[in-house]
Amino acid sequence: MSNRSKLATGTLGDLAHRLEIPVAAVTKSSPRLPPDEDPKLPEMTLTIIGGRIVGSCDEALGACAARLARASSLDLLRVSFERQPGGIDRFLSARQFVDVADQEVSAAIVRYFEQCRVS
C-alpha cells in the first residue's frame, strides 16, 4: 500500500503556489476509507466572474481567488479552498467551469457579458 502526499497540482495549483497562496497537501492512499469515516475538512468554493467575487466570502480567500483568476487571465473561475480550523485556509482546486445553475452566478455572467458588449 502506498501513501504519498504532495501539493495540489495542475497548472492552476502550480500558479497558486507561485502566487504564495497556501496550497493544500493532497494525500493519495489505498485502500480508501468508507465515505462516513473519511476525515475531510470543510471546503469553501468561490466563483470569480470578470474579476469580481460572486456571493459572500472571507475577504482574504476572496482576494486569493481573484488574484489567481487575474494571474491566469481567466474571466470565469471557480476556486475551492480547504478550511483549516484555527489555521490558514489552503487552495484545493480551481476550475474554469462555473456553476451556471446557481442563480447568483448566472446573473453575474449575464451582467459580465452585457458590460463586455457595451465596452
N, C-alpha and C. Protein backbone atom coordinates (compact mmCIF):
# COMPACT_ATOMS: atom_id res chain seq x y z
N MET A 1 0.84 -1.18 0.00
CA MET A 1 0.00 0.00 0.00
C MET A 1 0.88 1.24 0.00
N SER A 2 0.53 2.17 -0.85
CA SER A 2 1.32 3.39 -0.88
C SER A 2 0.53 4.52 -0.23
N ASN A 3 1.26 5.43 0.33
CA ASN A 3 0.66 6.62 0.91
C ASN A 3 1.60 7.77 0.61
N ARG A 4 1.20 8.66 -0.28
CA ARG A 4 2.08 9.76 -0.60
C ARG A 4 1.31 11.07 -0.52
N SER A 5 2.04 12.10 -0.19
CA SER A 5 1.43 13.41 -0.04
C SER A 5 2.17 14.39 -0.93
N LYS A 6 1.44 15.26 -1.60
CA LYS A 6 2.05 16.28 -2.44
C LYS A 6 1.14 17.49 -2.45
N LEU A 7 1.62 18.58 -2.99
CA LEU A 7 0.80 19.77 -3.10
C LEU A 7 -0.23 19.58 -4.20
N ALA A 8 -1.36 20.28 -4.07
CA ALA A 8 -2.36 20.26 -5.14
C ALA A 8 -1.66 20.63 -6.43
N THR A 9 -1.86 19.83 -7.46
CA THR A 9 -1.11 20.05 -8.69
C THR A 9 -2.00 20.51 -9.82
N GLY A 10 -1.39 20.67 -10.96
CA GLY A 10 -2.08 21.17 -12.12
C GLY A 10 -1.62 22.59 -12.35
N THR A 11 -1.89 23.09 -13.52
CA THR A 11 -1.43 24.42 -13.88
C THR A 11 -1.88 25.47 -12.88
N LEU A 12 -3.16 25.45 -12.49
CA LEU A 12 -3.67 26.45 -11.55
C LEU A 12 -3.13 26.23 -10.15
N GLY A 13 -2.92 24.97 -9.76
CA GLY A 13 -2.32 24.69 -8.45
C GLY A 13 -0.89 25.19 -8.38
N ASP A 14 -0.14 24.97 -9.44
CA ASP A 14 1.23 25.47 -9.51
C ASP A 14 1.25 27.00 -9.47
N LEU A 15 0.32 27.62 -10.19
CA LEU A 15 0.25 29.07 -10.22
C LEU A 15 -0.09 29.61 -8.83
N ALA A 16 -1.05 28.98 -8.15
CA ALA A 16 -1.41 29.40 -6.79
C ALA A 16 -0.19 29.34 -5.87
N HIS A 17 0.59 28.29 -5.99
CA HIS A 17 1.80 28.15 -5.19
C HIS A 17 2.79 29.28 -5.49
N ARG A 18 2.98 29.60 -6.77
CA ARG A 18 3.89 30.68 -7.15
C ARG A 18 3.40 32.04 -6.67
N LEU A 19 2.08 32.20 -6.56
CA LEU A 19 1.50 33.44 -6.06
C LEU A 19 1.52 33.50 -4.53
N GLU A 20 2.10 32.48 -3.92
CA GLU A 20 2.23 32.36 -2.46
C GLU A 20 0.87 32.25 -1.76
N ILE A 21 -0.09 31.63 -2.46
CA ILE A 21 -1.37 31.28 -1.86
C ILE A 21 -1.14 29.92 -1.20
N PRO A 22 -1.45 29.78 0.09
CA PRO A 22 -1.24 28.47 0.74
C PRO A 22 -1.98 27.38 -0.03
N VAL A 23 -1.29 26.29 -0.31
CA VAL A 23 -1.84 25.19 -1.11
C VAL A 23 -1.95 23.94 -0.24
N ALA A 24 -3.10 23.26 -0.32
CA ALA A 24 -3.34 22.05 0.47
C ALA A 24 -2.51 20.89 -0.04
N ALA A 25 -2.07 20.06 0.89
CA ALA A 25 -1.40 18.82 0.51
C ALA A 25 -2.47 17.82 0.10
N VAL A 26 -2.24 17.12 -0.97
CA VAL A 26 -3.17 16.11 -1.45
C VAL A 26 -2.57 14.76 -1.11
N THR A 27 -3.32 13.94 -0.38
CA THR A 27 -2.83 12.63 0.01
C THR A 27 -3.55 11.55 -0.77
N LYS A 28 -2.78 10.67 -1.38
CA LYS A 28 -3.36 9.54 -2.09
C LYS A 28 -2.97 8.29 -1.32
N SER A 29 -3.95 7.48 -1.01
CA SER A 29 -3.66 6.25 -0.28
C SER A 29 -4.60 5.16 -0.74
N SER A 30 -4.26 3.96 -0.40
CA SER A 30 -5.07 2.82 -0.77
C SER A 30 -5.05 1.84 0.40
N PRO A 31 -6.10 1.23 0.80
CA PRO A 31 -7.48 1.40 0.34
C PRO A 31 -8.12 2.65 0.95
N ARG A 32 -9.17 3.14 0.28
CA ARG A 32 -9.88 4.32 0.76
C ARG A 32 -10.77 3.96 1.94
N LEU A 33 -10.93 4.93 2.81
CA LEU A 33 -11.85 4.77 3.91
C LEU A 33 -13.28 4.90 3.39
N PRO A 34 -14.23 4.25 4.04
CA PRO A 34 -15.63 4.48 3.65
C PRO A 34 -15.95 5.97 3.81
N PRO A 35 -16.85 6.53 2.97
CA PRO A 35 -17.12 7.97 3.00
C PRO A 35 -17.44 8.53 4.38
N ASP A 36 -18.15 7.75 5.22
CA ASP A 36 -18.50 8.27 6.54
C ASP A 36 -17.32 8.27 7.51
N GLU A 37 -16.21 7.63 7.15
CA GLU A 37 -15.02 7.61 8.00
C GLU A 37 -13.88 8.44 7.44
N ASP A 38 -14.05 8.99 6.25
CA ASP A 38 -13.00 9.78 5.61
C ASP A 38 -12.95 11.16 6.27
N PRO A 39 -11.85 11.49 6.95
CA PRO A 39 -11.78 12.76 7.67
C PRO A 39 -11.50 13.93 6.74
N LYS A 40 -12.54 14.49 6.15
CA LYS A 40 -12.38 15.62 5.21
C LYS A 40 -12.62 16.92 5.96
N LEU A 41 -11.80 17.89 5.61
CA LEU A 41 -12.01 19.22 6.15
C LEU A 41 -13.06 19.93 5.31
N PRO A 42 -13.78 20.87 5.91
CA PRO A 42 -14.79 21.60 5.13
C PRO A 42 -14.13 22.42 4.02
N GLU A 43 -14.88 22.64 2.96
CA GLU A 43 -14.39 23.41 1.82
C GLU A 43 -15.21 24.69 1.65
N MET A 44 -14.58 25.68 1.07
CA MET A 44 -15.26 26.92 0.67
C MET A 44 -14.97 27.09 -0.80
N THR A 45 -16.01 27.22 -1.61
CA THR A 45 -15.83 27.40 -3.05
C THR A 45 -16.31 28.79 -3.44
N LEU A 46 -15.46 29.49 -4.16
CA LEU A 46 -15.75 30.85 -4.60
C LEU A 46 -15.80 30.90 -6.11
N THR A 47 -16.63 31.77 -6.64
CA THR A 47 -16.71 31.96 -8.08
C THR A 47 -16.28 33.38 -8.41
N ILE A 48 -15.39 33.50 -9.37
CA ILE A 48 -14.90 34.79 -9.84
C ILE A 48 -15.40 34.97 -11.27
N ILE A 49 -16.08 36.08 -11.52
CA ILE A 49 -16.58 36.39 -12.86
C ILE A 49 -16.15 37.82 -13.20
N GLY A 50 -15.33 37.94 -14.22
CA GLY A 50 -14.85 39.26 -14.63
C GLY A 50 -14.10 39.99 -13.53
N GLY A 51 -13.37 39.24 -12.72
CA GLY A 51 -12.58 39.83 -11.64
C GLY A 51 -13.36 40.12 -10.37
N ARG A 52 -14.64 39.81 -10.36
CA ARG A 52 -15.47 40.06 -9.18
C ARG A 52 -15.89 38.75 -8.52
N ILE A 53 -15.95 38.79 -7.21
CA ILE A 53 -16.36 37.62 -6.43
C ILE A 53 -17.88 37.58 -6.40
N VAL A 54 -18.44 36.42 -6.68
CA VAL A 54 -19.89 36.24 -6.63
C VAL A 54 -20.24 35.68 -5.25
N GLY A 55 -21.14 36.36 -4.57
CA GLY A 55 -21.58 35.91 -3.25
C GLY A 55 -20.70 36.47 -2.15
N SER A 56 -20.99 36.02 -0.93
CA SER A 56 -20.23 36.50 0.22
C SER A 56 -19.18 35.45 0.59
N CYS A 57 -18.05 35.96 1.08
CA CYS A 57 -16.98 35.05 1.47
C CYS A 57 -16.01 35.77 2.37
N ASP A 58 -15.08 35.01 2.90
CA ASP A 58 -14.00 35.56 3.69
C ASP A 58 -13.17 36.48 2.80
N GLU A 59 -12.85 37.68 3.28
CA GLU A 59 -12.15 38.67 2.46
C GLU A 59 -10.80 38.17 1.97
N ALA A 60 -10.04 37.49 2.82
CA ALA A 60 -8.71 37.00 2.43
C ALA A 60 -8.81 35.93 1.35
N LEU A 61 -9.79 35.02 1.48
CA LEU A 61 -9.96 33.98 0.45
C LEU A 61 -10.41 34.59 -0.86
N GLY A 62 -11.30 35.56 -0.79
CA GLY A 62 -11.75 36.24 -1.99
C GLY A 62 -10.60 36.92 -2.72
N ALA A 63 -9.72 37.55 -1.96
CA ALA A 63 -8.56 38.21 -2.56
C ALA A 63 -7.64 37.19 -3.23
N CYS A 64 -7.44 36.04 -2.59
CA CYS A 64 -6.59 34.98 -3.18
C CYS A 64 -7.21 34.46 -4.46
N ALA A 65 -8.51 34.20 -4.44
CA ALA A 65 -9.19 33.67 -5.63
C ALA A 65 -9.15 34.68 -6.78
N ALA A 66 -9.39 35.95 -6.47
CA ALA A 66 -9.35 36.99 -7.51
C ALA A 66 -7.94 37.14 -8.07
N ARG A 67 -6.92 37.05 -7.22
CA ARG A 67 -5.53 37.14 -7.67
C ARG A 67 -5.20 35.98 -8.60
N LEU A 68 -5.67 34.79 -8.26
CA LEU A 68 -5.43 33.62 -9.10
C LEU A 68 -6.11 33.78 -10.47
N ALA A 69 -7.34 34.28 -10.47
CA ALA A 69 -8.06 34.50 -11.74
C ALA A 69 -7.33 35.52 -12.60
N ARG A 70 -6.89 36.63 -11.99
CA ARG A 70 -6.15 37.66 -12.73
C ARG A 70 -4.85 37.11 -13.30
N ALA A 71 -4.08 36.39 -12.47
CA ALA A 71 -2.78 35.86 -12.90
C ALA A 71 -2.92 34.82 -14.00
N SER A 72 -4.06 34.11 -14.02
CA SER A 72 -4.27 33.09 -15.04
C SER A 72 -5.03 33.64 -16.25
N SER A 73 -5.37 34.91 -16.23
CA SER A 73 -6.10 35.57 -17.32
C SER A 73 -7.43 34.89 -17.62
N LEU A 74 -8.12 34.46 -16.55
CA LEU A 74 -9.42 33.81 -16.72
C LEU A 74 -10.51 34.71 -16.17
N ASP A 75 -11.55 34.95 -16.96
CA ASP A 75 -12.66 35.78 -16.51
C ASP A 75 -13.70 34.99 -15.73
N LEU A 76 -13.73 33.68 -15.93
CA LEU A 76 -14.63 32.80 -15.18
C LEU A 76 -13.78 31.76 -14.48
N LEU A 77 -13.89 31.69 -13.15
CA LEU A 77 -13.08 30.72 -12.40
C LEU A 77 -13.80 30.35 -11.12
N ARG A 78 -13.80 29.06 -10.83
CA ARG A 78 -14.37 28.53 -9.59
C ARG A 78 -13.20 27.97 -8.78
N VAL A 79 -12.99 28.51 -7.58
CA VAL A 79 -11.83 28.16 -6.76
C VAL A 79 -12.30 27.58 -5.44
N SER A 80 -11.72 26.43 -5.07
CA SER A 80 -12.06 25.79 -3.79
C SER A 80 -10.88 25.86 -2.84
N PHE A 81 -11.19 26.12 -1.58
CA PHE A 81 -10.20 26.16 -0.52
C PHE A 81 -10.59 25.17 0.56
N GLU A 82 -9.59 24.59 1.19
CA GLU A 82 -9.78 23.70 2.32
C GLU A 82 -9.76 24.57 3.57
N ARG A 83 -10.83 24.52 4.37
CA ARG A 83 -10.92 25.34 5.58
C ARG A 83 -10.17 24.66 6.71
N GLN A 84 -9.24 25.36 7.29
CA GLN A 84 -8.44 24.83 8.39
C GLN A 84 -8.97 25.40 9.70
N PRO A 85 -9.39 24.55 10.64
CA PRO A 85 -9.89 25.08 11.91
C PRO A 85 -8.75 25.80 12.66
N GLY A 86 -8.95 27.09 12.88
CA GLY A 86 -7.98 27.88 13.61
C GLY A 86 -6.66 28.08 12.88
N GLY A 87 -6.62 27.76 11.60
CA GLY A 87 -5.36 27.87 10.86
C GLY A 87 -5.54 28.61 9.56
N ILE A 88 -4.58 28.44 8.68
CA ILE A 88 -4.59 29.10 7.38
C ILE A 88 -5.35 28.23 6.39
N ASP A 89 -6.36 28.82 5.73
CA ASP A 89 -7.09 28.09 4.69
C ASP A 89 -6.15 27.88 3.52
N ARG A 90 -6.34 26.76 2.80
CA ARG A 90 -5.41 26.41 1.72
C ARG A 90 -6.15 26.14 0.42
N PHE A 91 -5.50 26.56 -0.69
CA PHE A 91 -6.01 26.30 -2.04
C PHE A 91 -6.15 24.80 -2.23
N LEU A 92 -7.28 24.37 -2.77
CA LEU A 92 -7.53 22.95 -3.03
C LEU A 92 -7.62 22.68 -4.52
N SER A 93 -8.41 23.47 -5.24
CA SER A 93 -8.54 23.25 -6.68
C SER A 93 -9.18 24.48 -7.34
N ALA A 94 -9.08 24.52 -8.65
CA ALA A 94 -9.72 25.57 -9.42
C ALA A 94 -10.18 24.99 -10.74
N ARG A 95 -11.33 25.47 -11.20
CA ARG A 95 -11.89 25.00 -12.47
C ARG A 95 -12.36 26.19 -13.27
N GLN A 96 -12.31 26.06 -14.57
CA GLN A 96 -12.80 27.11 -15.45
C GLN A 96 -14.30 27.02 -15.66
N PHE A 97 -14.90 25.96 -15.16
CA PHE A 97 -16.33 25.75 -15.34
C PHE A 97 -17.05 26.17 -14.06
N VAL A 98 -17.88 27.19 -14.16
CA VAL A 98 -18.61 27.69 -13.01
C VAL A 98 -20.00 27.05 -12.98
N ASP A 99 -20.67 27.15 -11.85
CA ASP A 99 -21.98 26.54 -11.66
C ASP A 99 -23.07 27.46 -12.20
N VAL A 100 -23.43 27.28 -13.48
CA VAL A 100 -24.43 28.15 -14.10
C VAL A 100 -25.84 27.88 -13.58
N ALA A 101 -26.04 26.78 -12.85
CA ALA A 101 -27.34 26.50 -12.26
C ALA A 101 -27.58 27.39 -11.03
N ASP A 102 -26.52 27.94 -10.46
CA ASP A 102 -26.63 28.86 -9.33
C ASP A 102 -27.13 30.19 -9.87
N GLN A 103 -28.27 30.67 -9.37
CA GLN A 103 -28.90 31.89 -9.91
C GLN A 103 -28.00 33.11 -9.76
N GLU A 104 -27.28 33.22 -8.66
CA GLU A 104 -26.40 34.37 -8.45
C GLU A 104 -25.25 34.36 -9.47
N VAL A 105 -24.73 33.16 -9.75
CA VAL A 105 -23.65 33.02 -10.73
C VAL A 105 -24.16 33.33 -12.13
N SER A 106 -25.30 32.77 -12.50
CA SER A 106 -25.82 33.01 -13.86
C SER A 106 -26.15 34.48 -14.06
N ALA A 107 -26.68 35.16 -13.05
CA ALA A 107 -26.98 36.59 -13.16
C ALA A 107 -25.68 37.39 -13.32
N ALA A 108 -24.63 37.00 -12.61
CA ALA A 108 -23.33 37.69 -12.72
C ALA A 108 -22.73 37.48 -14.11
N ILE A 109 -22.92 36.31 -14.69
CA ILE A 109 -22.41 36.04 -16.05
C ILE A 109 -23.13 36.94 -17.06
N VAL A 110 -24.44 37.05 -16.92
CA VAL A 110 -25.21 37.91 -17.84
C VAL A 110 -24.72 39.35 -17.71
N ARG A 111 -24.56 39.85 -16.47
CA ARG A 111 -24.06 41.23 -16.27
C ARG A 111 -22.68 41.40 -16.89
N TYR A 112 -21.82 40.40 -16.72
CA TYR A 112 -20.46 40.47 -17.27
C TYR A 112 -20.50 40.61 -18.80
N PHE A 113 -21.31 39.78 -19.46
CA PHE A 113 -21.38 39.84 -20.92
C PHE A 113 -22.08 41.10 -21.42
N GLU A 114 -23.03 41.62 -20.65
CA GLU A 114 -23.65 42.89 -21.02
C GLU A 114 -22.63 44.02 -20.95
N GLN A 115 -21.77 44.00 -19.94
CA GLN A 115 -20.73 45.02 -19.83
C GLN A 115 -19.72 44.90 -20.97
N CYS A 116 -19.41 43.69 -21.37
CA CYS A 116 -18.46 43.46 -22.48
C CYS A 116 -19.05 44.01 -23.78
N ARG A 117 -20.34 43.84 -23.96
CA ARG A 117 -21.00 44.29 -25.17
C ARG A 117 -21.02 45.80 -25.25
N VAL A 118 -21.17 46.47 -24.11
CA VAL A 118 -21.23 47.93 -24.07
C VAL A 118 -19.85 48.54 -24.26
N SER A 119 -18.82 47.89 -23.77
CA SER A 119 -17.45 48.43 -23.84
C SER A 119 -16.91 48.51 -25.24
